[in-house]
Amino acid sequence: MGTRRPPKPRPSRTDFPRLSDEALLDALDTERRKFTTSDAALMRRMADELISGWGARWHVWREPLQCPHCKADLRDHRTGPPFKREIGQYDMDEDRTVAFICPDCGLDLSAGPTAWERVLKT
């Protein structure tokens, strides 16, 4: 039998020594922004490749972007596309989402085709 190697030392927080949680999150956000904005052309090419090669549509919001009743903006600007501010109404008998509800006025967002038909259409 061979000898066991000692475990690798755990990484320390030498790059961000003794930062509060808030300061650490700010530092990580700054680093993330450097990556995503430092090479915009590379990021655009990667997104285009995903779309053309895989048909990915994760980077866009789907209609409707505004409630037809109260005109509230349904896009979630905090998390970005494809996330929206809408509540899915699930029907257990049909085993699918049958409607989407506006979180502000509580009315059905489907004006015309059902929400499910809009998803299938895109």
PDB file of N, CA and C in Angstrom:
ATOM      1  N   MET A   1       0.832  -1.183   0.000  1.00  0.00           N
ATOM      2  CA  MET A   1       0.000   0.000   0.000  1.00  0.00           C
ATOM      3  C   MET A   1       0.870   1.236   0.000  1.00  0.00           C
ATOM      4  N   GLY A   2       0.405   2.246  -0.746  1.00  0.00           N
ATOM      5  CA  GLY A   2       1.152   3.495  -0.817  1.00  0.00           C
ATOM      6  C   GLY A   2       0.859   4.381   0.392  1.00  0.00           C
ATOM      7  N   THR A   3       1.630   5.394   0.481  1.00  0.00           N
ATOM      8  CA  THR A   3       1.407   6.330   1.590  1.00  0.00           C
ATOM      9  C   THR A   3       0.388   7.375   1.164  1.00  0.00           C
ATOM     10  N   ARG A   4      -0.373   7.829   2.129  1.00  0.00           N
ATOM     11  CA  ARG A   4      -1.377   8.855   1.848  1.00  0.00           C
ATOM     12  C   ARG A   4      -0.738  10.226   1.827  1.00  0.00           C
ATOM     13  N   ARG A   5      -1.147  10.997   0.847  1.00  0.00           N
ATOM     14  CA  ARG A   5      -0.667  12.379   0.804  1.00  0.00           C
ATOM     15  C   ARG A   5      -1.506  13.229   1.752  1.00  0.00           C
ATOM     16  N   PRO A   6      -0.879  14.216   2.330  1.00  0.00           N
ATOM     17  CA  PRO A   6      -1.667  15.093   3.199  1.00  0.00           C
ATOM     18  C   PRO A   6      -2.678  15.879   2.356  1.00  0.00           C
ATOM     19  N   PRO A   7      -3.812  16.231   2.930  1.00  0.00           N
ATOM     20  CA  PRO A   7      -4.807  16.970   2.158  1.00  0.00           C
ATOM     21  C   PRO A   7      -4.284  18.346   1.753  1.00  0.00           C
ATOM     22  N   LYS A   8      -4.786  18.821   0.608  1.00  0.00           N
ATOM     23  CA  LYS A   8      -4.380  20.144   0.145  1.00  0.00           C
ATOM     24  C   LYS A   8      -4.925  21.192   1.111  1.00  0.00           C
ATOM     25  N   PRO A   9      -4.151  22.223   1.351  1.00  0.00           N
ATOM     26  CA  PRO A   9      -4.659  23.266   2.245  1.00  0.00           C
ATOM     27  C   PRO A   9      -5.836  23.980   1.593  1.00  0.00           C
ATOM     28  N   ARG A  10      -6.803  24.358   2.410  1.00  0.00           N
ATOM     29  CA  ARG A  10      -7.967  25.080   1.905  1.00  0.00           C
ATOM     30  C   ARG A  10      -7.550  26.474   1.474  1.00  0.00           C
ATOM     31  N   PRO A  11      -8.164  26.988   0.418  1.00  0.00           N
ATOM     32  CA  PRO A  11      -7.819  28.345  -0.003  1.00  0.00           C
ATOM     33  C   PRO A  11      -8.190  29.348   1.080  1.00  0.00           C
ATOM     34  N   SER A  12      -7.342  30.311   1.240  1.00  0.00           N
ATOM     35  CA  SER A  12      -7.621  31.339   2.242  1.00  0.00           C
ATOM     36  C   SER A  12      -8.218  32.553   1.552  1.00  0.00           C
ATOM     37  N   ARG A  13      -8.675  33.480   2.335  1.00  0.00           N
ATOM     38  CA  ARG A  13      -9.253  34.694   1.782  1.00  0.00           C
ATOM     39  C   ARG A  13      -8.192  35.785   1.709  1.00  0.00           C
ATOM     40  N   THR A  14      -7.008  35.421   1.190  1.00  0.00           N
ATOM     41  CA  THR A  14      -5.930  36.410   1.141  1.00  0.00           C
ATOM     42  C   THR A  14      -6.220  37.521   0.153  1.00  0.00           C
ATOM     43  N   ASP A  15      -6.969  37.188  -0.934  1.00  0.00           N
ATOM     44  CA  ASP A  15      -7.293  38.227  -1.904  1.00  0.00           C
ATOM     45  C   ASP A  15      -8.312  39.221  -1.340  1.00  0.00           C
ATOM     46  N   PHE A  16      -9.167  38.727  -0.463  1.00  0.00           N
ATOM     47  CA  PHE A  16     -10.197  39.565   0.148  1.00  0.00           C
ATOM     48  C   PHE A  16     -10.146  39.385   1.664  1.00  0.00           C
ATOM     49  N   PRO A  17      -9.075  39.817   2.297  1.00  0.00           N
ATOM     50  CA  PRO A  17      -8.913  39.523   3.720  1.00  0.00           C
ATOM     51  C   PRO A  17      -9.939  40.237   4.588  1.00  0.00           C
ATOM     52  N   ARG A  18     -10.594  39.466   5.409  1.00  0.00           N
ATOM     53  CA  ARG A  18     -11.496  39.961   6.446  1.00  0.00           C
ATOM     54  C   ARG A  18     -12.504  41.003   5.966  1.00  0.00           C
ATOM     55  N   LEU A  19     -13.073  40.768   4.823  1.00  0.00           N
ATOM     56  CA  LEU A  19     -14.115  41.662   4.324  1.00  0.00           C
ATOM     57  C   LEU A  19     -15.451  41.232   4.901  1.00  0.00           C
ATOM     58  N   SER A  20     -16.295  42.181   5.135  1.00  0.00           N
ATOM     59  CA  SER A  20     -17.646  41.843   5.557  1.00  0.00           C
ATOM     60  C   SER A  20     -18.347  41.166   4.388  1.00  0.00           C
ATOM     61  N   ASP A  21     -19.457  40.521   4.667  1.00  0.00           N
ATOM     62  CA  ASP A  21     -20.201  39.862   3.597  1.00  0.00           C
ATOM     63  C   ASP A  21     -20.589  40.865   2.516  1.00  0.00           C
ATOM     64  N   GLU A  22     -21.039  42.035   2.923  1.00  0.00           N
ATOM     65  CA  GLU A  22     -21.451  43.061   1.961  1.00  0.00           C
ATOM     66  C   GLU A  22     -20.272  43.505   1.097  1.00  0.00           C
ATOM     67  N   ALA A  23     -19.119  43.749   1.719  1.00  0.00           N
ATOM     68  CA  ALA A  23     -17.938  44.182   0.974  1.00  0.00           C
ATOM     69  C   ALA A  23     -17.446  43.074   0.040  1.00  0.00           C
ATOM     70  N   LEU A  24     -17.532  41.834   0.494  1.00  0.00           N
ATOM     71  CA  LEU A  24     -17.115  40.710  -0.343  1.00  0.00           C
ATOM     72  C   LEU A  24     -18.024  40.595  -1.576  1.00  0.00           C
ATOM     73  N   LEU A  25     -19.336  40.742  -1.368  1.00  0.00           N
ATOM     74  CA  LEU A  25     -20.259  40.696  -2.501  1.00  0.00           C
ATOM     75  C   LEU A  25     -19.994  41.844  -3.468  1.00  0.00           C
ATOM     76  N   ASP A  26     -19.687  43.026  -2.943  1.00  0.00           N
ATOM     77  CA  ASP A  26     -19.354  44.159  -3.810  1.00  0.00           C
ATOM     78  C   ASP A  26     -18.087  43.882  -4.617  1.00  0.00           C
ATOM     79  N   ALA A  27     -17.080  43.304  -3.971  1.00  0.00           N
ATOM     80  CA  ALA A  27     -15.831  42.989  -4.665  1.00  0.00           C
ATOM     81  C   ALA A  27     -16.062  41.937  -5.752  1.00  0.00           C
ATOM     82  N   LEU A  28     -16.878  40.922  -5.449  1.00  0.00           N
ATOM     83  CA  LEU A  28     -17.167  39.890  -6.437  1.00  0.00           C
ATOM     84  C   LEU A  28     -17.981  40.459  -7.596  1.00  0.00           C
ATOM     85  N   ASP A  29     -18.904  41.375  -7.298  1.00  0.00           N
ATOM     86  CA  ASP A  29     -19.685  42.007  -8.353  1.00  0.00           C
ATOM     87  C   ASP A  29     -18.786  42.831  -9.270  1.00  0.00           C
ATOM     88  N   THR A  30     -17.821  43.518  -8.689  1.00  0.00           N
ATOM     89  CA  THR A  30     -16.866  44.297  -9.483  1.00  0.00           C
ATOM     90  C   THR A  30     -16.070  43.379 -10.403  1.00  0.00           C
ATOM     91  N   GLU A  31     -15.613  42.256  -9.885  1.00  0.00           N
ATOM     92  CA  GLU A  31     -14.861  41.299 -10.705  1.00  0.00           C
ATOM     93  C   GLU A  31     -15.740  40.744 -11.822  1.00  0.00           C
ATOM     94  N   ARG A  32     -17.002  40.434 -11.516  1.00  0.00           N
ATOM     95  CA  ARG A  32     -17.914  39.909 -12.535  1.00  0.00           C
ATOM     96  C   ARG A  32     -18.134  40.939 -13.635  1.00  0.00           C
ATOM     97  N   ARG A  33     -18.298  42.197 -13.261  1.00  0.00           N
ATOM     98  CA  ARG A  33     -18.494  43.250 -14.262  1.00  0.00           C
ATOM     99  C   ARG A  33     -17.270  43.397 -15.156  1.00  0.00           C
ATOM    100  N   LYS A  34     -16.082  43.242 -14.589  1.00  0.00           N
ATOM    101  CA  LYS A  34     -14.865  43.323 -15.402  1.00  0.00           C
ATOM    102  C   LYS A  34     -14.888  42.250 -16.485  1.00  0.00           C
ATOM    103  N   PHE A  35     -15.291  41.030 -16.093  1.00  0.00           N
ATOM    104  CA  PHE A  35     -15.310  39.935 -17.059  1.00  0.00           C
ATOM    105  C   PHE A  35     -16.334  40.184 -18.151  1.00  0.00           C
ATOM    106  N   THR A  36     -17.543  40.564 -17.779  1.00  0.00           N
ATOM    107  CA  THR A  36     -18.603  40.677 -18.771  1.00  0.00           C
ATOM    108  C   THR A  36     -18.479  41.924 -19.626  1.00  0.00           C
ATOM    109  N   THR A  37     -17.805  42.970 -19.133  1.00  0.00           N
ATOM    110  CA  THR A  37     -17.694  44.179 -19.940  1.00  0.00           C
ATOM    111  C   THR A  37     -16.327  44.316 -20.594  1.00  0.00           C
ATOM    112  N   SER A  38     -15.335  43.555 -20.140  1.00  0.00           N
ATOM    113  CA  SER A  38     -13.994  43.729 -20.684  1.00  0.00           C
ATOM    114  C   SER A  38     -13.883  43.200 -22.106  1.00  0.00           C
ATOM    115  N   ASP A  39     -14.684  42.215 -22.452  1.00  0.00           N
ATOM    116  CA  ASP A  39     -14.613  41.663 -23.794  1.00  0.00           C
ATOM    117  C   ASP A  39     -16.022  41.486 -24.335  1.00  0.00           C
ATOM    118  N   ALA A  40     -16.664  42.604 -24.612  1.00  0.00           N
ATOM    119  CA  ALA A  40     -18.046  42.575 -25.084  1.00  0.00           C
ATOM    120  C   ALA A  40     -18.173  41.810 -26.394  1.00  0.00           C
ATOM    121  N   ALA A  41     -17.176  41.924 -27.277  1.00  0.00           N
ATOM    122  CA  ALA A  41     -17.233  41.226 -28.561  1.00  0.00           C
ATOM    123  C   ALA A  41     -17.226  39.706 -28.350  1.00  0.00           C
ATOM    124  N   LEU A  42     -16.381  39.227 -27.437  1.00  0.00           N
ATOM    125  CA  LEU A  42     -16.339  37.799 -27.138  1.00  0.00           C
ATOM    126  C   LEU A  42     -17.679  37.329 -26.578  1.00  0.00           C
ATOM    127  N   MET A  43     -18.254  38.082 -25.640  1.00  0.00           N
ATOM    128  CA  MET A  43     -19.526  37.709 -25.049  1.00  0.00           C
ATOM    129  C   MET A  43     -20.621  37.673 -26.121  1.00  0.00           C
ATOM    130  N   ARG A  44     -20.618  38.638 -27.048  1.00  0.00           N
ATOM    131  CA  ARG A  44     -21.611  38.675 -28.124  1.00  0.00           C
ATOM    132  C   ARG A  44     -21.458  37.458 -29.037  1.00  0.00           C
ATOM    133  N   ARG A  45     -20.190  37.099 -29.387  1.00  0.00           N
ATOM    134  CA  ARG A  45     -19.953  35.924 -30.236  1.00  0.00           C
ATOM    135  C   ARG A  45     -20.435  34.651 -29.546  1.00  0.00           C
ATOM    136  N   MET A  46     -20.167  34.535 -28.244  1.00  0.00           N
ATOM    137  CA  MET A  46     -20.595  33.345 -27.504  1.00  0.00           C
ATOM    138  C   MET A  46     -22.120  33.248 -27.481  1.00  0.00           C
ATOM    139  N   ALA A  47     -22.794  34.367 -27.246  1.00  0.00           N
ATOM    140  CA  ALA A  47     -24.264  34.369 -27.237  1.00  0.00           C
ATOM    141  C   ALA A  47     -24.802  34.017 -28.623  1.00  0.00           C
ATOM    142  N   ASP A  48     -24.208  34.588 -29.672  1.00  0.00           N
ATOM    143  CA  ASP A  48     -24.644  34.284 -31.041  1.00  0.00           C
ATOM    144  C   ASP A  48     -24.446  32.813 -31.376  1.00  0.00           C
ATOM    145  N   GLU A  49     -23.345  32.240 -30.912  1.00  0.00           N
ATOM    146  CA  GLU A  49     -23.082  30.826 -31.169  1.00  0.00           C
ATOM    147  C   GLU A  49     -24.107  29.945 -30.460  1.00  0.00           C
ATOM    148  N   LEU A  50     -24.456  30.307 -29.236  1.00  0.00           N
ATOM    149  CA  LEU A  50     -25.474  29.536 -28.520  1.00  0.00           C
ATOM    150  C   LEU A  50     -26.819  29.609 -29.239  1.00  0.00           C
ATOM    151  N   ILE A  51     -27.149  30.778 -29.732  1.00  0.00           N
ATOM    152  CA  ILE A  51     -28.442  30.959 -30.392  1.00  0.00           C
ATOM    153  C   ILE A  51     -28.480  30.212 -31.715  1.00  0.00           C
ATOM    154  N   SER A  52     -27.451  30.399 -32.541  1.00  0.00           N
ATOM    155  CA  SER A  52     -27.462  29.760 -33.863  1.00  0.00           C
ATOM    156  C   SER A  52     -27.230  28.253 -33.761  1.00  0.00           C
ATOM    157  N   GLY A  53     -26.352  27.837 -32.883  1.00  0.00           N
ATOM    158  CA  GLY A  53     -26.020  26.415 -32.789  1.00  0.00           C
ATOM    159  C   GLY A  53     -27.012  25.613 -31.970  1.00  0.00           C
ATOM    160  N   TRP A  54     -27.499  26.194 -30.878  1.00  0.00           N
ATOM    161  CA  TRP A  54     -28.349  25.445 -29.966  1.00  0.00           C
ATOM    162  C   TRP A  54     -29.785  25.950 -29.933  1.00  0.00           C
ATOM    163  N   GLY A  55     -30.020  27.092 -30.533  1.00  0.00           N
ATOM    164  CA  GLY A  55     -31.370  27.641 -30.499  1.00  0.00           C
ATOM    165  C   GLY A  55     -31.746  28.213 -29.146  1.00  0.00           C
ATOM    166  N   ALA A  56     -30.748  28.579 -28.363  1.00  0.00           N
ATOM    167  CA  ALA A  56     -30.999  29.086 -27.014  1.00  0.00           C
ATOM    168  C   ALA A  56     -31.674  30.449 -27.088  1.00  0.00           C
ATOM    169  N   ARG A  57     -32.694  30.634 -26.302  1.00  0.00           N
ATOM    170  CA  ARG A  57     -33.403  31.909 -26.237  1.00  0.00           C
ATOM    171  C   ARG A  57     -33.431  32.431 -24.807  1.00  0.00           C
ATOM    172  N   TRP A  58     -32.458  32.071 -24.014  1.00  0.00           N
ATOM    173  CA  TRP A  58     -32.429  32.451 -22.602  1.00  0.00           C
ATOM    174  C   TRP A  58     -32.141  33.917 -22.387  1.00  0.00           C
ATOM    175  N   HIS A  59     -31.637  34.600 -23.380  1.00  0.00           N
ATOM    176  CA  HIS A  59     -31.200  35.982 -23.194  1.00  0.00           C
ATOM    177  C   HIS A  59     -32.262  37.012 -23.564  1.00  0.00           C
ATOM    178  N   VAL A  60     -33.461  36.561 -23.907  1.00  0.00           N
ATOM    179  CA  VAL A  60     -34.511  37.499 -24.300  1.00  0.00           C
ATOM    180  C   VAL A  60     -35.753  37.296 -23.437  1.00  0.00           C
ATOM    181  N   TRP A  61     -36.505  38.368 -23.262  1.00  0.00           N
ATOM    182  CA  TRP A  61     -37.791  38.279 -22.587  1.00  0.00           C
ATOM    183  C   TRP A  61     -38.854  37.907 -23.609  1.00  0.00           C
ATOM    184  N   ARG A  62     -39.805  37.095 -23.201  1.00  0.00           N
ATOM    185  CA  ARG A  62     -40.904  36.720 -24.083  1.00  0.00           C
ATOM    186  C   ARG A  62     -42.104  37.624 -23.805  1.00  0.00           C
ATOM    187  N   GLU A  63     -42.907  37.826 -24.829  1.00  0.00           N
ATOM    188  CA  GLU A  63     -44.130  38.629 -24.713  1.00  0.00           C
ATOM    189  C   GLU A  63     -45.110  37.930 -23.776  1.00  0.00           C
ATOM    190  N   PRO A  64     -45.987  38.612 -23.120  1.00  0.00           N
ATOM    191  CA  PRO A  64     -46.129  40.061 -23.075  1.00  0.00           C
ATOM    192  C   PRO A  64     -45.152  40.671 -22.078  1.00  0.00           C
ATOM    193  N   LEU A  65     -44.677  41.840 -22.383  1.00  0.00           N
ATOM    194  CA  LEU A  65     -43.751  42.539 -21.493  1.00  0.00           C
ATOM    195  C   LEU A  65     -44.483  43.534 -20.600  1.00  0.00           C
ATOM    196  N   GLN A  66     -45.769  43.711 -20.864  1.00  0.00           N
ATOM    197  CA  GLN A  66     -46.564  44.662 -20.109  1.00  0.00           C
ATOM    198  C   GLN A  66     -47.938  44.042 -19.861  1.00  0.00           C
ATOM    199  N   CYS A  67     -48.480  44.273 -18.665  1.00  0.00           N
ATOM    200  CA  CYS A  67     -49.809  43.762 -18.352  1.00  0.00           C
ATOM    201  C   CYS A  67     -50.832  44.506 -19.209  1.00  0.00           C
ATOM    202  N   PRO A  68     -51.723  43.780 -19.906  1.00  0.00           N
ATOM    203  CA  PRO A  68     -52.712  44.459 -20.741  1.00  0.00           C
ATOM    204  C   PRO A  68     -53.764  45.216 -19.929  1.00  0.00           C
ATOM    205  N   HIS A  69     -53.854  44.913 -18.628  1.00  0.00           N
ATOM    206  CA  HIS A  69     -54.880  45.536 -17.790  1.00  0.00           C
ATOM    207  C   HIS A  69     -54.356  46.775 -17.061  1.00  0.00           C
ATOM    208  N   CYS A  70     -53.273  46.608 -16.311  1.00  0.00           N
ATOM    209  CA  CYS A  70     -52.768  47.728 -15.493  1.00  0.00           C
ATOM    210  C   CYS A  70     -51.511  48.365 -16.073  1.00  0.00           C
ATOM    211  N   LYS A  71     -51.012  47.835 -17.182  1.00  0.00           N
ATOM    212  CA  LYS A  71     -49.826  48.355 -17.891  1.00  0.00           C
ATOM    213  C   LYS A  71     -48.538  48.257 -17.067  1.00  0.00           C
ATOM    214  N   ALA A  72     -48.504  47.355 -16.089  1.00  0.00           N
ATOM    215  CA  ALA A  72     -47.291  47.162 -15.285  1.00  0.00           C
ATOM    216  C   ALA A  72     -46.207  46.498 -16.128  1.00  0.00           C
ATOM    217  N   ASP A  73     -44.962  46.898 -15.905  1.00  0.00           N
ATOM    218  CA  ASP A  73     -43.821  46.296 -16.593  1.00  0.00           C
ATOM    219  C   ASP A  73     -43.575  44.922 -15.975  1.00  0.00           C
ATOM    220  N   LEU A  74     -43.618  43.881 -16.779  1.00  0.00           N
ATOM    221  CA  LEU A  74     -43.471  42.516 -16.276  1.00  0.00           C
ATOM    222  C   LEU A  74     -42.040  42.006 -16.325  1.00  0.00           C
ATOM    223  N   ARG A  75     -41.145  42.784 -16.905  1.00  0.00           N
ATOM    224  CA  ARG A  75     -39.749  42.340 -16.983  1.00  0.00           C
ATOM    225  C   ARG A  75     -39.104  42.464 -15.610  1.00  0.00           C
ATOM    226  N   ASP A  76     -38.341  41.453 -15.232  1.00  0.00           N
ATOM    227  CA  ASP A  76     -37.622  41.485 -13.954  1.00  0.00           C
ATOM    228  C   ASP A  76     -36.243  42.079 -14.219  1.00  0.00           C
ATOM    229  N   HIS A  77     -36.106  43.370 -13.962  1.00  0.00           N
ATOM    230  CA  HIS A  77     -34.852  44.065 -14.271  1.00  0.00           C
ATOM    231  C   HIS A  77     -33.740  43.708 -13.287  1.00  0.00           C
ATOM    232  N   ARG A  78     -34.093  43.158 -12.151  1.00  0.00           N
ATOM    233  CA  ARG A  78     -33.061  42.778 -11.173  1.00  0.00           C
ATOM    234  C   ARG A  78     -32.294  41.537 -11.631  1.00  0.00           C
ATOM    235  N   THR A  79     -33.028  40.527 -12.103  1.00  0.00           N
ATOM    236  CA  THR A  79     -32.374  39.290 -12.533  1.00  0.00           C
ATOM    237  C   THR A  79     -32.136  39.242 -14.033  1.00  0.00           C
ATOM    238  N   GLY A  80     -32.866  40.049 -14.796  1.00  0.00           N
ATOM    239  CA  GLY A  80     -32.650  40.102 -16.236  1.00  0.00           C
ATOM    240  C   GLY A  80     -33.337  38.978 -16.978  1.00  0.00           C
ATOM    241  N   PRO A  81     -33.203  38.998 -18.304  1.00  0.00           N
ATOM    242  CA  PRO A  81     -33.869  37.973 -19.120  1.00  0.00           C
ATOM    243  C   PRO A  81     -33.366  36.592 -18.762  1.00  0.00           C
ATOM    244  N   PRO A  82     -34.175  35.600 -18.860  1.00  0.00           N
ATOM    245  CA  PRO A  82     -35.545  35.560 -19.342  1.00  0.00           C
ATOM    246  C   PRO A  82     -36.578  35.716 -18.226  1.00  0.00           C
ATOM    247  N   PHE A  83     -36.160  36.063 -17.023  1.00  0.00           N
ATOM    248  CA  PHE A  83     -37.064  36.096 -15.882  1.00  0.00           C
ATOM    249  C   PHE A  83     -38.027  37.273 -15.948  1.00  0.00           C
ATOM    250  N   LYS A  84     -39.280  36.972 -15.622  1.00  0.00           N
ATOM    251  CA  LYS A  84     -40.322  37.989 -15.659  1.00  0.00           C
ATOM    252  C   LYS A  84     -41.103  37.957 -14.352  1.00  0.00           C
ATOM    253  N   ARG A  85     -41.826  39.032 -14.119  1.00  0.00           N
ATOM    254  CA  ARG A  85     -42.669  39.141 -12.938  1.00  0.00           C
ATOM    255  C   ARG A  85     -44.076  38.679 -13.316  1.00  0.00           C
ATOM    256  N   GLU A  86     -44.301  37.388 -13.308  1.00  0.00           N
ATOM    257  CA  GLU A  86     -45.625  36.849 -13.579  1.00  0.00           C
ATOM    258  C   GLU A  86     -45.807  35.587 -12.752  1.00  0.00           C
ATOM    259  N   ILE A  87     -47.051  35.304 -12.427  1.00  0.00           N
ATOM    260  CA  ILE A  87     -47.370  34.155 -11.589  1.00  0.00           C
ATOM    261  C   ILE A  87     -48.026  33.102 -12.468  1.00  0.00           C
ATOM    262  N   GLY A  88     -47.442  31.923 -12.514  1.00  0.00           N
ATOM    263  CA  GLY A  88     -48.008  30.838 -13.313  1.00  0.00           C
ATOM    264  C   GLY A  88     -49.142  30.167 -12.576  1.00  0.00           C
ATOM    265  N   GLN A  89     -50.264  29.947 -13.266  1.00  0.00           N
ATOM    266  CA  GLN A  89     -51.405  29.255 -12.697  1.00  0.00           C
ATOM    267  C   GLN A  89     -51.385  27.834 -13.247  1.00  0.00           C
ATOM    268  N   TYR A  90     -51.140  26.871 -12.367  1.00  0.00           N
ATOM    269  CA  TYR A  90     -50.958  25.478 -12.770  1.00  0.00           C
ATOM    270  C   TYR A  90     -52.245  24.692 -12.571  1.00  0.00           C
ATOM    271  N   ASP A  91     -52.604  23.872 -13.546  1.00  0.00           N
ATOM    272  CA  ASP A  91     -53.775  23.003 -13.459  1.00  0.00           C
ATOM    273  C   ASP A  91     -53.284  21.569 -13.335  1.00  0.00           C
ATOM    274  N   MET A  92     -53.565  20.935 -12.190  1.00  0.00           N
ATOM    275  CA  MET A  92     -53.073  19.574 -11.958  1.00  0.00           C
ATOM    276  C   MET A  92     -53.756  18.558 -12.872  1.00  0.00           C
ATOM    277  N   ASP A  93     -55.025  18.798 -13.224  1.00  0.00           N
ATOM    278  CA  ASP A  93     -55.719  17.853 -14.113  1.00  0.00           C
ATOM    279  C   ASP A  93     -55.103  17.876 -15.509  1.00  0.00           C
ATOM    280  N   GLU A  94     -54.775  19.050 -15.992  1.00  0.00           N
ATOM    281  CA  GLU A  94     -54.169  19.161 -17.324  1.00  0.00           C
ATOM    282  C   GLU A  94     -52.655  18.976 -17.280  1.00  0.00           C
ATOM    283  N   ASP A  95     -52.086  19.014 -16.089  1.00  0.00           N
ATOM    284  CA  ASP A  95     -50.650  18.847 -15.869  1.00  0.00           C
ATOM    285  C   ASP A  95     -49.835  19.864 -16.674  1.00  0.00           C
ATOM    286  N   ARG A  96     -50.246  21.125 -16.582  1.00  0.00           N
ATOM    287  CA  ARG A  96     -49.516  22.182 -17.256  1.00  0.00           C
ATOM    288  C   ARG A  96     -49.921  23.534 -16.687  1.00  0.00           C
ATOM    289  N   THR A  97     -49.141  24.533 -17.017  1.00  0.00           N
ATOM    290  CA  THR A  97     -49.478  25.902 -16.666  1.00  0.00           C
ATOM    291  C   THR A  97     -50.525  26.376 -17.658  1.00  0.00           C
ATOM    292  N   VAL A  98     -51.657  26.837 -17.148  1.00  0.00           N
ATOM    293  CA  VAL A  98     -52.761  27.208 -18.032  1.00  0.00           C
ATOM    294  C   VAL A  98     -52.895  28.717 -18.192  1.00  0.00           C
ATOM    295  N   ALA A  99     -52.288  29.495 -17.300  1.00  0.00           N
ATOM    296  CA  ALA A  99     -52.397  30.950 -17.401  1.00  0.00           C
ATOM    297  C   ALA A  99     -51.273  31.592 -16.606  1.00  0.00           C
ATOM    298  N   PHE A 100     -51.029  32.847 -16.915  1.00  0.00           N
ATOM    299  CA  PHE A 100     -50.089  33.643 -16.149  1.00  0.00           C
ATOM    300  C   PHE A 100     -50.842  34.849 -15.607  1.00  0.00           C
ATOM    301  N   ILE A 101     -50.575  35.167 -14.342  1.00  0.00           N
ATOM    302  CA  ILE A 101     -51.286  36.224 -13.635  1.00  0.00           C
ATOM    303  C   ILE A 101     -50.332  37.389 -13.369  1.00  0.00           C
ATOM    304  N   CYS A 102     -50.834  38.619 -13.523  1.00  0.00           N
ATOM    305  CA  CYS A 102     -50.041  39.812 -13.220  1.00  0.00           C
ATOM    306  C   CYS A 102     -49.873  39.921 -11.701  1.00  0.00           C
ATOM    307  N   PRO A 103     -48.654  40.119 -11.215  1.00  0.00           N
ATOM    308  CA  PRO A 103     -48.455  40.221  -9.768  1.00  0.00           C
ATOM    309  C   PRO A 103     -48.991  41.530  -9.175  1.00  0.00           C
ATOM    310  N   ASP A 104     -49.229  42.532 -10.010  1.00  0.00           N
ATOM    311  CA  ASP A 104     -49.703  43.825  -9.508  1.00  0.00           C
ATOM    312  C   ASP A 104     -51.228  43.889  -9.419  1.00  0.00           C
ATOM    313  N   CYS A 105     -51.930  43.515 -10.496  1.00  0.00           N
ATOM    314  CA  CYS A 105     -53.394  43.639 -10.477  1.00  0.00           C
ATOM    315  C   CYS A 105     -54.101  42.305 -10.264  1.00  0.00           C
ATOM    316  N   GLY A 106     -53.392  41.174 -10.434  1.00  0.00           N
ATOM    317  CA  GLY A 106     -53.986  39.865 -10.197  1.00  0.00           C
ATOM    318  C   GLY A 106     -54.864  39.351 -11.320  1.00  0.00           C
ATOM    319  N   LEU A 107     -54.843  40.014 -12.480  1.00  0.00           N
ATOM    320  CA  LEU A 107     -55.668  39.577 -13.608  1.00  0.00           C
ATOM    321  C   LEU A 107     -54.852  38.722 -14.577  1.00  0.00           C
ATOM    322  N   ASP A 108     -55.589  37.917 -15.357  1.00  0.00           N
ATOM    323  CA  ASP A 108     -54.971  37.016 -16.331  1.00  0.00           C
ATOM    324  C   ASP A 108     -54.269  37.832 -17.420  1.00  0.00           C
ATOM    325  N   LEU A 109     -53.031  37.458 -17.727  1.00  0.00           N
ATOM    326  CA  LEU A 109     -52.243  38.189 -18.725  1.00  0.00           C
ATOM    327  C   LEU A 109     -52.597  37.812 -20.158  1.00  0.00           C
ATOM    328  N   SER A 110     -53.322  36.730 -20.332  1.00  0.00           N
ATOM    329  CA  SER A 110     -53.584  36.280 -21.701  1.00  0.00           C
ATOM    330  C   SER A 110     -54.698  37.123 -22.320  1.00  0.00           C
ATOM    331  N   ALA A 111     -54.294  37.945 -23.239  1.00  0.00           N
ATOM    332  CA  ALA A 111     -55.243  38.718 -24.035  1.00  0.00           C
ATOM    333  C   ALA A 111     -55.129  38.187 -25.443  1.00  0.00           C
ATOM    334  N   GLY A 112     -56.129  37.461 -25.906  1.00  0.00           N
ATOM    335  CA  GLY A 112     -56.024  36.788 -27.197  1.00  0.00           C
ATOM    336  C   GLY A 112     -55.637  35.345 -26.960  1.00  0.00           C
ATOM    337  N   PRO A 113     -54.502  34.892 -27.533  1.00  0.00           N
ATOM    338  CA  PRO A 113     -54.106  33.489 -27.330  1.00  0.00           C
ATOM    339  C   PRO A 113     -53.722  33.251 -25.875  1.00  0.00           C
ATOM    340  N   THR A 114     -53.894  32.010 -25.423  1.00  0.00           N
ATOM    341  CA  THR A 114     -53.549  31.680 -24.043  1.00  0.00           C
ATOM    342  C   THR A 114     -52.043  31.795 -23.853  1.00  0.00           C
ATOM    343  N   ALA A 115     -51.642  31.888 -22.606  1.00  0.00           N
ATOM    344  CA  ALA A 115     -50.215  31.993 -22.293  1.00  0.00           C
ATOM    345  C   ALA A 115     -49.471  30.766 -22.797  1.00  0.00           C
ATOM    346  N   TRP A 116     -50.106  29.606 -22.696  1.00  0.00           N
ATOM    347  CA  TRP A 116     -49.448  28.373 -23.153  1.00  0.00           C
ATOM    348  C   TRP A 116     -49.245  28.410 -24.668  1.00  0.00           C
ATOM    349  N   GLU A 117     -50.220  28.923 -25.419  1.00  0.00           N
ATOM    350  CA  GLU A 117     -50.061  29.033 -26.871  1.00  0.00           C
ATOM    351  C   GLU A 117     -48.953  30.003 -27.247  1.00  0.00           C
ATOM    352  N   ARG A 118     -48.783  31.067 -26.435  1.00  0.00           N
ATOM    353  CA  ARG A 118     -47.683  32.005 -26.705  1.00  0.00           C
ATOM    354  C   ARG A 118     -46.351  31.316 -26.520  1.00  0.00           C
ATOM    355  N   VAL A 119     -46.228  30.470 -25.502  1.00  0.00           N
ATOM    356  CA  VAL A 119     -44.966  29.757 -25.261  1.00  0.00           C
ATOM    357  C   VAL A 119     -44.686  28.786 -26.411  1.00  0.00           C
ATOM    358  N   LEU A 120     -45.702  28.051 -26.841  1.00  0.00           N
ATOM    359  CA  LEU A 120     -45.509  27.085 -27.922  1.00  0.00           C
ATOM    360  C   LEU A 120     -45.196  27.769 -29.248  1.00  0.00           C
ATOM    361  N   LYS A 121     -45.739  28.964 -29.449  1.00  0.00           N
ATOM    362  CA  LYS A 121     -45.542  29.681 -30.698  1.00  0.00           C
ATOM    363  C   LYS A 121     -44.096  30.143 -30.872  1.00  0.00           C
ATOM    364  N   THR A 122     -43.415  30.492 -29.782  1.00  0.00           N
ATOM    365  CA  THR A 122     -42.055  31.036 -29.886  1.00  0.00           C
ATOM    366  C   THR A 122     -41.010  29.989 -29.908  1.00  0.00           C
TER     367      THR A 122
END
